[in-house]
Amino acid sequence: MTATQRPTEIARDVLAIESAALTRLHDELPADFDAVVHLLLGVSGRVIVSGMGKSGHVAAKIAATMASTGTPAQYVHPGEASHGDLGMITAVDAVILISNSGETRELADIIGHTRRFAIPMVAITRKPDSTLARQADHVLPLPDAPEACAIGMAPTTSTTCTMALGDALAVALMRLRGFDRDSYLAFHPGGTLGAQLLRVSAVMHKGDDLPVVAESTPMGDTLLEMTAKGFGVAAVVEGGRLLGVITDGDLRRNLDNLLGRTAGEVATRNPRTIAPDALLTEALGIMNASKISLLFAVDADGRLQGLVHIHDALRAGVA
């Protein structure tokens, strides 16, 4: 890199260096990787992740990723650990320590704590012959690749590789635990991620809130039910099964002698429906594509379970 390079050229240089290191990490995946994954799977406590400086920021991210994907984990700052937070690391935990050089002084007390109480310890380092690596039960060595910064010293390539290795551990644990979309939703109830994974059953109206009439219900009584429940529709139900729906459009198409008819005579048969366990995003997609504002939810036998309105989806954050 030179001072005369354009920013885009510098960016491509950085990405090329880091990409090459990630390729090496892929091709030279640490021999202890499988053993570390099985160790962490068997931990009855938490995975404690720690590092100093930039490695500490990466450690916090790895712990957060693990915790959100089914592996209880916590970041412990090495400085705070030396002043009482060692009590957060128990005999039923496992520890991952991150140090590019493997000689980070601030990790000494955590290293000593794990050795004193026989707590499994994994080292992530670029130096497999370092003090940290020699003390560890398992070592996940990083590629001996150059940093991408102009002076070759600022943590760039090394932190990128550490982050990727942490993701590989988290995803391997996630898959082996059978952590699925429903499990993910349990840990992400808020924000866009939670909204995207919500089921129709989580927001649908049900029970006495539903506008329900029988086939033989006179349209006068049907209009009262539609007005009382406030959705502008009625479900025509017999034996618990949804036979049809009555909308404002059906009312307009049957204005002639409307009050002399029954709900079954006015209803639109075989309406669009949704399963209660379908994703709310799927329901919104059907409503948008069909230019309708609500869907009735039915089970596999066609029995009415609930009603979801487009406003329910929007309130839940599905846009």
C-alpha atoms as a PDB file:
ATOM      1  CA  MET A   1       0.000   0.000   0.000  1.00  0.00           C
ATOM      2  CA  THR A   2       1.206   3.524  -0.750  1.00  0.00           C
ATOM      3  CA  ALA A   3       0.037   6.996   0.209  1.00  0.00           C
ATOM      4  CA  THR A   4      -0.905   7.684  -3.390  1.00  0.00           C
ATOM      5  CA  GLN A   5      -3.352   4.813  -3.698  1.00  0.00           C
ATOM      6  CA  ARG A   6      -7.031   5.549  -4.132  1.00  0.00           C
ATOM      7  CA  PRO A   7      -9.260   4.556  -1.186  1.00  0.00           C
ATOM      8  CA  THR A   8     -10.953   1.859  -3.266  1.00  0.00           C
ATOM      9  CA  GLU A   9      -7.565   0.359  -4.136  1.00  0.00           C
ATOM     10  CA  ILE A  10      -6.605   0.317  -0.447  1.00  0.00           C
ATOM     11  CA  ALA A  11      -9.935  -1.315   0.394  1.00  0.00           C
ATOM     12  CA  ARG A  12      -9.375  -4.030  -2.202  1.00  0.00           C
ATOM     13  CA  ASP A  13      -5.874  -4.654  -0.823  1.00  0.00           C
ATOM     14  CA  VAL A  14      -7.260  -5.038   2.700  1.00  0.00           C
ATOM     15  CA  LEU A  15     -10.031  -7.361   1.574  1.00  0.00           C
ATOM     16  CA  ALA A  16      -7.625  -9.425  -0.511  1.00  0.00           C
ATOM     17  CA  ILE A  17      -5.273  -9.901   2.445  1.00  0.00           C
ATOM     18  CA  GLU A  18      -8.075 -10.851   4.822  1.00  0.00           C
ATOM     19  CA  SER A  19      -9.776 -13.053   2.244  1.00  0.00           C
ATOM     20  CA  ALA A  20      -6.542 -14.958   1.670  1.00  0.00           C
ATOM     21  CA  ALA A  21      -6.200 -15.510   5.423  1.00  0.00           C
ATOM     22  CA  LEU A  22      -9.768 -16.791   5.678  1.00  0.00           C
ATOM     23  CA  THR A  23      -9.078 -19.193   2.814  1.00  0.00           C
ATOM     24  CA  ARG A  24      -6.062 -20.481   4.706  1.00  0.00           C
ATOM     25  CA  LEU A  25      -8.179 -20.886   7.840  1.00  0.00           C
ATOM     26  CA  HIS A  26     -10.702 -22.866   5.779  1.00  0.00           C
ATOM     27  CA  ASP A  27      -8.033 -25.085   4.261  1.00  0.00           C
ATOM     28  CA  GLU A  28      -6.069 -25.488   7.501  1.00  0.00           C
ATOM     29  CA  LEU A  29      -8.927 -25.760  10.001  1.00  0.00           C
ATOM     30  CA  PRO A  30      -7.394 -26.483  13.443  1.00  0.00           C
ATOM     31  CA  ALA A  31      -7.012 -30.164  14.238  1.00  0.00           C
ATOM     32  CA  ASP A  32      -8.649 -29.636  17.642  1.00  0.00           C
ATOM     33  CA  PHE A  33     -11.815 -28.090  16.181  1.00  0.00           C
ATOM     34  CA  ASP A  34     -13.991 -31.219  16.511  1.00  0.00           C
ATOM     35  CA  ALA A  35     -12.717 -31.877  20.031  1.00  0.00           C
ATOM     36  CA  VAL A  36     -13.489 -28.295  21.070  1.00  0.00           C
ATOM     37  CA  VAL A  37     -17.029 -28.475  19.692  1.00  0.00           C
ATOM     38  CA  HIS A  38     -17.723 -31.725  21.562  1.00  0.00           C
ATOM     39  CA  LEU A  39     -16.194 -30.244  24.712  1.00  0.00           C
ATOM     40  CA  LEU A  40     -18.487 -27.221  24.533  1.00  0.00           C
ATOM     41  CA  LEU A  41     -21.507 -29.409  23.772  1.00  0.00           C
ATOM     42  CA  GLY A  42     -20.905 -31.277  27.004  1.00  0.00           C
ATOM     43  CA  VAL A  43     -20.514 -28.231  29.236  1.00  0.00           C
ATOM     44  CA  SER A  44     -23.264 -28.059  31.852  1.00  0.00           C
ATOM     45  CA  GLY A  45     -22.462 -24.441  32.707  1.00  0.00           C
ATOM     46  CA  ARG A  46     -21.493 -21.660  30.333  1.00  0.00           C
ATOM     47  CA  VAL A  47     -18.820 -20.965  27.770  1.00  0.00           C
ATOM     48  CA  ILE A  48     -16.720 -18.090  29.130  1.00  0.00           C
ATOM     49  CA  VAL A  49     -14.949 -16.094  26.424  1.00  0.00           C
ATOM     50  CA  SER A  50     -12.265 -13.531  27.186  1.00  0.00           C
ATOM     51  CA  GLY A  51      -9.570 -11.438  25.568  1.00  0.00           C
ATOM     52  CA  MET A  52      -7.922  -8.055  25.921  1.00  0.00           C
ATOM     53  CA  GLY A  53      -8.165  -5.048  23.599  1.00  0.00           C
ATOM     54  CA  LYS A  54      -9.468  -5.862  20.134  1.00  0.00           C
ATOM     55  CA  SER A  55      -9.476  -9.551  21.058  1.00  0.00           C
ATOM     56  CA  GLY A  56     -11.804  -8.625  23.896  1.00  0.00           C
ATOM     57  CA  HIS A  57     -14.271  -7.008  21.520  1.00  0.00           C
ATOM     58  CA  VAL A  58     -14.186 -10.143  19.370  1.00  0.00           C
ATOM     59  CA  ALA A  59     -14.596 -12.324  22.469  1.00  0.00           C
ATOM     60  CA  ALA A  60     -17.713 -10.397  23.467  1.00  0.00           C
ATOM     61  CA  LYS A  61     -19.178 -10.882  19.998  1.00  0.00           C
ATOM     62  CA  ILE A  62     -18.438 -14.620  20.004  1.00  0.00           C
ATOM     63  CA  ALA A  63     -20.082 -15.005  23.422  1.00  0.00           C
ATOM     64  CA  ALA A  64     -23.129 -13.062  22.235  1.00  0.00           C
ATOM     65  CA  THR A  65     -23.447 -15.190  19.085  1.00  0.00           C
ATOM     66  CA  MET A  66     -23.205 -18.407  21.055  1.00  0.00           C
ATOM     67  CA  ALA A  67     -25.735 -17.240  23.639  1.00  0.00           C
ATOM     68  CA  SER A  68     -28.252 -16.293  20.949  1.00  0.00           C
ATOM     69  CA  THR A  69     -27.913 -19.616  19.141  1.00  0.00           C
ATOM     70  CA  GLY A  70     -28.421 -22.057  21.987  1.00  0.00           C
ATOM     71  CA  THR A  71     -25.040 -22.207  23.763  1.00  0.00           C
ATOM     72  CA  PRO A  72     -25.088 -20.387  27.127  1.00  0.00           C
ATOM     73  CA  ALA A  73     -22.085 -18.073  27.026  1.00  0.00           C
ATOM     74  CA  GLN A  74     -20.696 -14.976  28.717  1.00  0.00           C
ATOM     75  CA  TYR A  75     -17.888 -12.512  28.108  1.00  0.00           C
ATOM     76  CA  VAL A  76     -15.632 -11.805  31.081  1.00  0.00           C
ATOM     77  CA  HIS A  77     -13.211  -8.875  30.926  1.00  0.00           C
ATOM     78  CA  PRO A  78      -9.735 -10.059  31.996  1.00  0.00           C
ATOM     79  CA  GLY A  79      -9.041  -6.878  33.962  1.00  0.00           C
ATOM     80  CA  GLU A  80     -12.278  -7.190  35.918  1.00  0.00           C
ATOM     81  CA  ALA A  81     -11.598 -10.901  36.404  1.00  0.00           C
ATOM     82  CA  SER A  82      -8.483  -9.997  38.378  1.00  0.00           C
ATOM     83  CA  HIS A  83     -10.615  -7.869  40.694  1.00  0.00           C
ATOM     84  CA  GLY A  84     -13.389 -10.285  41.633  1.00  0.00           C
ATOM     85  CA  ASP A  85     -15.017 -11.402  38.403  1.00  0.00           C
ATOM     86  CA  LEU A  86     -13.117 -14.698  38.470  1.00  0.00           C
ATOM     87  CA  GLY A  87     -16.097 -15.760  40.568  1.00  0.00           C
ATOM     88  CA  MET A  88     -18.123 -15.756  37.345  1.00  0.00           C
ATOM     89  CA  ILE A  89     -16.045 -18.699  36.081  1.00  0.00           C
ATOM     90  CA  THR A  90     -17.122 -21.931  37.761  1.00  0.00           C
ATOM     91  CA  ALA A  91     -16.042 -25.556  37.688  1.00  0.00           C
ATOM     92  CA  VAL A  92     -18.909 -26.489  35.338  1.00  0.00           C
ATOM     93  CA  ASP A  93     -17.888 -23.920  32.713  1.00  0.00           C
ATOM     94  CA  ALA A  94     -15.412 -23.994  29.850  1.00  0.00           C
ATOM     95  CA  VAL A  95     -13.188 -21.061  28.926  1.00  0.00           C
ATOM     96  CA  ILE A  96     -12.054 -19.723  25.548  1.00  0.00           C
ATOM     97  CA  LEU A  97      -9.157 -17.265  25.749  1.00  0.00           C
ATOM     98  CA  ILE A  98      -8.166 -15.164  22.756  1.00  0.00           C
ATOM     99  CA  SER A  99      -4.717 -13.651  22.264  1.00  0.00           C
ATOM    100  CA  ASN A 100      -3.011 -13.168  18.924  1.00  0.00           C
ATOM    101  CA  SER A 101       0.436 -13.297  20.515  1.00  0.00           C
ATOM    102  CA  GLY A 102      -0.503 -15.783  23.209  1.00  0.00           C
ATOM    103  CA  GLU A 103       1.418 -13.648  25.701  1.00  0.00           C
ATOM    104  CA  THR A 104      -1.260 -11.183  26.865  1.00  0.00           C
ATOM    105  CA  ARG A 105      -0.377 -10.476  30.510  1.00  0.00           C
ATOM    106  CA  GLU A 106      -3.936  -9.562  31.468  1.00  0.00           C
ATOM    107  CA  LEU A 107      -5.066 -13.153  30.826  1.00  0.00           C
ATOM    108  CA  ALA A 108      -2.679 -14.606  33.424  1.00  0.00           C
ATOM    109  CA  ASP A 109      -5.171 -14.666  36.295  1.00  0.00           C
ATOM    110  CA  ILE A 110      -7.872 -16.368  34.213  1.00  0.00           C
ATOM    111  CA  ILE A 111      -5.328 -18.922  32.983  1.00  0.00           C
ATOM    112  CA  GLY A 112      -4.258 -19.610  36.559  1.00  0.00           C
ATOM    113  CA  HIS A 113      -7.881 -19.906  37.689  1.00  0.00           C
ATOM    114  CA  THR A 114      -8.707 -22.504  35.037  1.00  0.00           C
ATOM    115  CA  ARG A 115      -5.612 -24.540  35.890  1.00  0.00           C
ATOM    116  CA  ARG A 116      -6.267 -24.335  39.628  1.00  0.00           C
ATOM    117  CA  PHE A 117      -9.828 -25.600  39.382  1.00  0.00           C
ATOM    118  CA  ALA A 118      -9.435 -27.940  36.385  1.00  0.00           C
ATOM    119  CA  ILE A 119     -11.726 -25.830  34.181  1.00  0.00           C
ATOM    120  CA  PRO A 120     -11.339 -26.760  30.500  1.00  0.00           C
ATOM    121  CA  MET A 121      -9.563 -23.995  28.586  1.00  0.00           C
ATOM    122  CA  VAL A 122      -9.312 -23.400  24.845  1.00  0.00           C
ATOM    123  CA  ALA A 123      -6.752 -21.026  23.348  1.00  0.00           C
ATOM    124  CA  ILE A 124      -7.255 -19.098  20.112  1.00  0.00           C
ATOM    125  CA  THR A 125      -3.890 -17.684  19.112  1.00  0.00           C
ATOM    126  CA  ARG A 126      -1.521 -17.197  16.191  1.00  0.00           C
ATOM    127  CA  LYS A 127       1.366 -18.598  18.249  1.00  0.00           C
ATOM    128  CA  PRO A 128       0.898 -22.336  18.981  1.00  0.00           C
ATOM    129  CA  ASP A 129       4.118 -22.344  21.045  1.00  0.00           C
ATOM    130  CA  SER A 130       3.071 -19.375  23.225  1.00  0.00           C
ATOM    131  CA  THR A 131       2.465 -19.410  26.978  1.00  0.00           C
ATOM    132  CA  LEU A 132      -1.306 -19.402  26.439  1.00  0.00           C
ATOM    133  CA  ALA A 133      -1.166 -22.314  24.005  1.00  0.00           C
ATOM    134  CA  ARG A 134       1.090 -24.376  26.275  1.00  0.00           C
ATOM    135  CA  GLN A 135      -1.341 -23.967  29.174  1.00  0.00           C
ATOM    136  CA  ALA A 136      -4.472 -24.750  27.158  1.00  0.00           C
ATOM    137  CA  ASP A 137      -6.295 -28.062  26.955  1.00  0.00           C
ATOM    138  CA  HIS A 138      -7.039 -27.371  23.284  1.00  0.00           C
ATOM    139  CA  VAL A 139      -5.505 -24.925  20.828  1.00  0.00           C
ATOM    140  CA  LEU A 140      -7.209 -23.391  17.801  1.00  0.00           C
ATOM    141  CA  PRO A 141      -4.318 -21.747  15.952  1.00  0.00           C
ATOM    142  CA  LEU A 142      -4.965 -18.838  13.617  1.00  0.00           C
ATOM    143  CA  PRO A 143      -3.194 -18.598  10.234  1.00  0.00           C
ATOM    144  CA  ASP A 144       0.204 -16.907  10.466  1.00  0.00           C
ATOM    145  CA  ALA A 145      -0.966 -14.247   8.042  1.00  0.00           C
ATOM    146  CA  PRO A 146      -0.015 -10.550   7.794  1.00  0.00           C
ATOM    147  CA  GLU A 147      -2.252  -7.898   9.280  1.00  0.00           C
ATOM    148  CA  ALA A 148      -3.996  -5.831   6.631  1.00  0.00           C
ATOM    149  CA  CYS A 149      -3.088  -2.440   8.076  1.00  0.00           C
ATOM    150  CA  ALA A 150      -0.467  -0.145   6.517  1.00  0.00           C
ATOM    151  CA  ILE A 151       2.137  -0.868   9.195  1.00  0.00           C
ATOM    152  CA  GLY A 152       1.280  -4.544   9.666  1.00  0.00           C
ATOM    153  CA  MET A 153       0.558  -4.168  13.377  1.00  0.00           C
ATOM    154  CA  ALA A 154      -3.057  -3.108  13.968  1.00  0.00           C
ATOM    155  CA  PRO A 155      -5.357  -6.105  14.607  1.00  0.00           C
ATOM    156  CA  THR A 156      -7.201  -6.558  11.311  1.00  0.00           C
ATOM    157  CA  THR A 157      -6.571  -9.903   9.648  1.00  0.00           C
ATOM    158  CA  SER A 158      -6.154 -11.620  13.024  1.00  0.00           C
ATOM    159  CA  THR A 159      -9.444 -10.299  14.413  1.00  0.00           C
ATOM    160  CA  THR A 160     -11.275 -11.171  11.193  1.00  0.00           C
ATOM    161  CA  CYS A 161     -10.019 -14.753  11.374  1.00  0.00           C
ATOM    162  CA  THR A 162     -10.863 -14.993  15.081  1.00  0.00           C
ATOM    163  CA  MET A 163     -14.370 -13.730  14.436  1.00  0.00           C
ATOM    164  CA  ALA A 164     -14.856 -16.233  11.622  1.00  0.00           C
ATOM    165  CA  LEU A 165     -13.544 -19.078  13.781  1.00  0.00           C
ATOM    166  CA  GLY A 166     -15.961 -18.046  16.532  1.00  0.00           C
ATOM    167  CA  ASP A 167     -18.828 -18.087  14.041  1.00  0.00           C
ATOM    168  CA  ALA A 168     -17.766 -21.558  12.902  1.00  0.00           C
ATOM    169  CA  LEU A 169     -17.855 -22.798  16.499  1.00  0.00           C
ATOM    170  CA  ALA A 170     -21.227 -21.184  17.211  1.00  0.00           C
ATOM    171  CA  VAL A 171     -22.874 -22.542  14.072  1.00  0.00           C
ATOM    172  CA  ALA A 172     -21.449 -26.033  14.577  1.00  0.00           C
ATOM    173  CA  LEU A 173     -22.835 -26.041  18.125  1.00  0.00           C
ATOM    174  CA  MET A 174     -26.131 -24.634  16.892  1.00  0.00           C
ATOM    175  CA  ARG A 175     -26.606 -27.373  14.302  1.00  0.00           C
ATOM    176  CA  LEU A 176     -25.540 -30.213  16.566  1.00  0.00           C
ATOM    177  CA  ARG A 177     -27.974 -28.994  19.241  1.00  0.00           C
ATOM    178  CA  GLY A 178     -30.815 -28.990  16.714  1.00  0.00           C
ATOM    179  CA  PHE A 179     -31.370 -25.282  17.354  1.00  0.00           C
ATOM    180  CA  ASP A 180     -34.165 -24.312  14.936  1.00  0.00           C
ATOM    181  CA  ARG A 181     -36.181 -21.239  13.924  1.00  0.00           C
ATOM    182  CA  ASP A 182     -38.570 -21.581  16.855  1.00  0.00           C
ATOM    183  CA  SER A 183     -35.630 -21.786  19.255  1.00  0.00           C
ATOM    184  CA  TYR A 184     -34.119 -18.708  17.628  1.00  0.00           C
ATOM    185  CA  LEU A 185     -37.365 -16.799  18.078  1.00  0.00           C
ATOM    186  CA  ALA A 186     -37.355 -17.598  21.800  1.00  0.00           C
ATOM    187  CA  PHE A 187     -34.064 -15.701  22.129  1.00  0.00           C
ATOM    188  CA  HIS A 188     -35.009 -12.901  19.700  1.00  0.00           C
ATOM    189  CA  PRO A 189     -38.531 -11.796  20.653  1.00  0.00           C
ATOM    190  CA  GLY A 190     -37.921  -8.146  19.823  1.00  0.00           C
ATOM    191  CA  GLY A 191     -37.051  -6.180  16.732  1.00  0.00           C
ATOM    192  CA  THR A 192     -37.170  -7.208  13.102  1.00  0.00           C
ATOM    193  CA  LEU A 193     -35.695 -10.672  13.654  1.00  0.00           C
ATOM    194  CA  GLY A 194     -38.381 -11.585  16.146  1.00  0.00           C
ATOM    195  CA  ALA A 195     -41.124 -10.199  13.945  1.00  0.00           C
ATOM    196  CA  GLN A 196     -39.943 -12.174  10.927  1.00  0.00           C
ATOM    197  CA  LEU A 197     -40.225 -15.409  12.906  1.00  0.00           C
ATOM    198  CA  LEU A 198     -43.596 -14.811  14.569  1.00  0.00           C
ATOM    199  CA  ARG A 199     -46.344 -17.351  13.896  1.00  0.00           C
ATOM    200  CA  VAL A 200     -49.912 -16.442  12.995  1.00  0.00           C
ATOM    201  CA  SER A 201     -51.056 -18.063  16.250  1.00  0.00           C
ATOM    202  CA  ALA A 202     -49.070 -15.476  18.239  1.00  0.00           C
ATOM    203  CA  VAL A 203     -51.224 -12.545  17.082  1.00  0.00           C
ATOM    204  CA  MET A 204     -54.494 -13.966  15.760  1.00  0.00           C
ATOM    205  CA  HIS A 205     -57.894 -13.209  17.290  1.00  0.00           C
ATOM    206  CA  LYS A 206     -59.804 -16.232  18.533  1.00  0.00           C
ATOM    207  CA  GLY A 207     -62.670 -17.493  20.638  1.00  0.00           C
ATOM    208  CA  ASP A 208     -65.465 -15.022  21.339  1.00  0.00           C
ATOM    209  CA  ASP A 209     -63.670 -12.307  19.361  1.00  0.00           C
ATOM    210  CA  LEU A 210     -64.413 -14.101  16.097  1.00  0.00           C
ATOM    211  CA  PRO A 211     -67.429 -13.108  13.959  1.00  0.00           C
ATOM    212  CA  VAL A 212     -69.015 -16.531  13.469  1.00  0.00           C
ATOM    213  CA  VAL A 213     -72.437 -17.460  12.042  1.00  0.00           C
ATOM    214  CA  ALA A 214     -74.083 -20.659  10.838  1.00  0.00           C
ATOM    215  CA  GLU A 215     -75.205 -21.311   7.265  1.00  0.00           C
ATOM    216  CA  SER A 216     -78.833 -20.858   8.307  1.00  0.00           C
ATOM    217  CA  THR A 217     -78.276 -17.566  10.139  1.00  0.00           C
ATOM    218  CA  PRO A 218     -80.510 -14.829   8.646  1.00  0.00           C
ATOM    219  CA  MET A 219     -78.559 -11.999   7.074  1.00  0.00           C
ATOM    220  CA  GLY A 220     -80.088  -9.520   9.515  1.00  0.00           C
ATOM    221  CA  ASP A 221     -78.433 -11.356  12.405  1.00  0.00           C
ATOM    222  CA  THR A 222     -75.276 -11.818  10.342  1.00  0.00           C
ATOM    223  CA  LEU A 223     -74.972  -8.057   9.833  1.00  0.00           C
ATOM    224  CA  LEU A 224     -75.327  -7.546  13.580  1.00  0.00           C
ATOM    225  CA  GLU A 225     -72.522 -10.064  14.215  1.00  0.00           C
ATOM    226  CA  MET A 226     -70.280  -8.393  11.627  1.00  0.00           C
ATOM    227  CA  THR A 227     -70.897  -4.998  13.196  1.00  0.00           C
ATOM    228  CA  ALA A 228     -70.414  -6.190  16.768  1.00  0.00           C
ATOM    229  CA  LYS A 229     -67.084  -7.878  16.150  1.00  0.00           C
ATOM    230  CA  GLY A 230     -65.718  -4.964  14.113  1.00  0.00           C
ATOM    231  CA  PHE A 231     -63.818  -6.833  11.394  1.00  0.00           C
ATOM    232  CA  GLY A 232     -66.287  -6.188   8.582  1.00  0.00           C
ATOM    233  CA  VAL A 233     -66.531  -9.918   7.825  1.00  0.00           C
ATOM    234  CA  ALA A 234     -68.265 -13.030   9.099  1.00  0.00           C
ATOM    235  CA  ALA A 235     -67.138 -16.648   9.053  1.00  0.00           C
ATOM    236  CA  VAL A 236     -69.755 -19.193   8.067  1.00  0.00           C
ATOM    237  CA  VAL A 237     -69.071 -22.247  10.222  1.00  0.00           C
ATOM    238  CA  GLU A 238     -70.760 -25.624  10.622  1.00  0.00           C
ATOM    239  CA  GLY A 239     -69.453 -28.290  12.993  1.00  0.00           C
ATOM    240  CA  GLY A 240     -66.417 -26.146  13.654  1.00  0.00           C
ATOM    241  CA  ARG A 241     -65.365 -26.150   9.989  1.00  0.00           C
ATOM    242  CA  LEU A 242     -65.044 -22.961   7.972  1.00  0.00           C
ATOM    243  CA  LEU A 243     -67.342 -23.208   4.959  1.00  0.00           C
ATOM    244  CA  GLY A 244     -67.168 -19.644   3.677  1.00  0.00           C
ATOM    245  CA  VAL A 245     -66.812 -15.952   4.500  1.00  0.00           C
ATOM    246  CA  ILE A 246     -69.000 -12.914   4.057  1.00  0.00           C
ATOM    247  CA  THR A 247     -67.291  -9.631   3.225  1.00  0.00           C
ATOM    248  CA  ASP A 248     -68.455  -6.153   2.246  1.00  0.00           C
ATOM    249  CA  GLY A 249     -68.098  -7.254  -1.368  1.00  0.00           C
ATOM    250  CA  ASP A 250     -70.491 -10.135  -0.829  1.00  0.00           C
ATOM    251  CA  LEU A 251     -73.005  -7.736   0.703  1.00  0.00           C
ATOM    252  CA  ARG A 252     -72.842  -5.421  -2.310  1.00  0.00           C
ATOM    253  CA  ARG A 253     -73.222  -8.310  -4.742  1.00  0.00           C
ATOM    254  CA  ASN A 254     -76.332  -9.519  -2.918  1.00  0.00           C
ATOM    255  CA  LEU A 255     -78.117  -6.242  -2.155  1.00  0.00           C
ATOM    256  CA  ASP A 256     -81.281  -7.456  -3.876  1.00  0.00           C
ATOM    257  CA  ASN A 257     -83.399  -8.988  -1.085  1.00  0.00           C
ATOM    258  CA  LEU A 258     -80.280  -9.209   1.139  1.00  0.00           C
ATOM    259  CA  LEU A 259     -82.228  -9.407   4.394  1.00  0.00           C
ATOM    260  CA  GLY A 260     -84.333 -12.225   3.001  1.00  0.00           C
ATOM    261  CA  ARG A 261     -81.321 -14.466   2.558  1.00  0.00           C
ATOM    262  CA  THR A 262     -79.229 -16.636   4.869  1.00  0.00           C
ATOM    263  CA  ALA A 263     -75.500 -16.443   5.531  1.00  0.00           C
ATOM    264  CA  GLY A 264     -74.912 -19.640   3.580  1.00  0.00           C
ATOM    265  CA  GLU A 265     -76.590 -18.154   0.487  1.00  0.00           C
ATOM    266  CA  VAL A 266     -74.452 -15.010   0.512  1.00  0.00           C
ATOM    267  CA  ALA A 267     -71.068 -16.397   1.577  1.00  0.00           C
ATOM    268  CA  THR A 268     -68.094 -16.887  -0.707  1.00  0.00           C
ATOM    269  CA  ARG A 269     -67.117 -20.548  -0.483  1.00  0.00           C
ATOM    270  CA  ASN A 270     -63.562 -21.939  -0.138  1.00  0.00           C
ATOM    271  CA  PRO A 271     -61.966 -18.664   0.978  1.00  0.00           C
ATOM    272  CA  ARG A 272     -58.213 -18.124   1.262  1.00  0.00           C
ATOM    273  CA  THR A 273     -56.993 -19.274   4.663  1.00  0.00           C
ATOM    274  CA  ILE A 274     -53.755 -19.685   6.597  1.00  0.00           C
ATOM    275  CA  ALA A 275     -52.508 -22.280   9.083  1.00  0.00           C
ATOM    276  CA  PRO A 276     -52.071 -21.059  12.682  1.00  0.00           C
ATOM    277  CA  ASP A 277     -48.443 -22.221  12.716  1.00  0.00           C
ATOM    278  CA  ALA A 278     -47.579 -20.431   9.471  1.00  0.00           C
ATOM    279  CA  LEU A 279     -45.187 -17.501   9.673  1.00  0.00           C
ATOM    280  CA  LEU A 280     -46.851 -14.117  10.021  1.00  0.00           C
ATOM    281  CA  THR A 281     -44.771 -12.930   7.072  1.00  0.00           C
ATOM    282  CA  GLU A 282     -46.445 -15.603   4.925  1.00  0.00           C
ATOM    283  CA  ALA A 283     -49.880 -14.369   5.972  1.00  0.00           C
ATOM    284  CA  LEU A 284     -48.925 -10.793   5.110  1.00  0.00           C
ATOM    285  CA  GLY A 285     -47.665 -11.936   1.707  1.00  0.00           C
ATOM    286  CA  ILE A 286     -50.974 -13.661   0.935  1.00  0.00           C
ATOM    287  CA  MET A 287     -52.962 -10.609   2.007  1.00  0.00           C
ATOM    288  CA  ASN A 288     -50.855  -8.272  -0.097  1.00  0.00           C
ATOM    289  CA  ALA A 289     -50.969 -10.525  -3.157  1.00  0.00           C
ATOM    290  CA  SER A 290     -54.726 -11.057  -2.862  1.00  0.00           C
ATOM    291  CA  LYS A 291     -55.472  -7.417  -1.951  1.00  0.00           C
ATOM    292  CA  ILE A 292     -57.361  -8.457   1.181  1.00  0.00           C
ATOM    293  CA  SER A 293     -57.024  -7.198   4.736  1.00  0.00           C
ATOM    294  CA  LEU A 294     -57.497 -10.377   6.781  1.00  0.00           C
ATOM    295  CA  LEU A 295     -57.282 -14.149   6.740  1.00  0.00           C
ATOM    296  CA  PHE A 296     -59.054 -16.819   8.750  1.00  0.00           C
ATOM    297  CA  ALA A 297     -56.738 -19.398  10.298  1.00  0.00           C
ATOM    298  CA  VAL A 298     -57.817 -23.033  10.057  1.00  0.00           C
ATOM    299  CA  ASP A 299     -56.220 -26.311  11.086  1.00  0.00           C
ATOM    300  CA  ALA A 300     -55.492 -29.275   8.826  1.00  0.00           C
ATOM    301  CA  ASP A 301     -59.140 -30.415   9.086  1.00  0.00           C
ATOM    302  CA  GLY A 302     -60.487 -27.011   8.077  1.00  0.00           C
ATOM    303  CA  ARG A 303     -61.616 -26.135  11.591  1.00  0.00           C
ATOM    304  CA  LEU A 304     -61.661 -22.433  12.368  1.00  0.00           C
ATOM    305  CA  GLN A 305     -58.925 -21.439  14.799  1.00  0.00           C
ATOM    306  CA  GLY A 306     -58.638 -17.685  14.501  1.00  0.00           C
ATOM    307  CA  LEU A 307     -58.436 -14.546  12.396  1.00  0.00           C
ATOM    308  CA  VAL A 308     -55.404 -12.429  11.550  1.00  0.00           C
ATOM    309  CA  HIS A 309     -55.776  -8.861  10.273  1.00  0.00           C
ATOM    310  CA  ILE A 310     -53.159  -6.973   8.300  1.00  0.00           C
ATOM    311  CA  HIS A 311     -53.010  -4.463  11.149  1.00  0.00           C
ATOM    312  CA  ASP A 312     -51.967  -7.289  13.499  1.00  0.00           C
ATOM    313  CA  ALA A 313     -48.996  -7.996  11.260  1.00  0.00           C
ATOM    314  CA  LEU A 314     -48.024  -4.342  11.045  1.00  0.00           C
ATOM    315  CA  ARG A 315     -48.306  -3.867  14.809  1.00  0.00           C
ATOM    316  CA  ALA A 316     -46.006  -6.877  15.290  1.00  0.00           C
ATOM    317  CA  GLY A 317     -43.376  -5.179  13.118  1.00  0.00           C
ATOM    318  CA  VAL A 318     -43.811  -7.284   9.986  1.00  0.00           C
ATOM    319  CA  ALA A 319     -43.593  -4.820   7.108  1.00  0.00           C
END
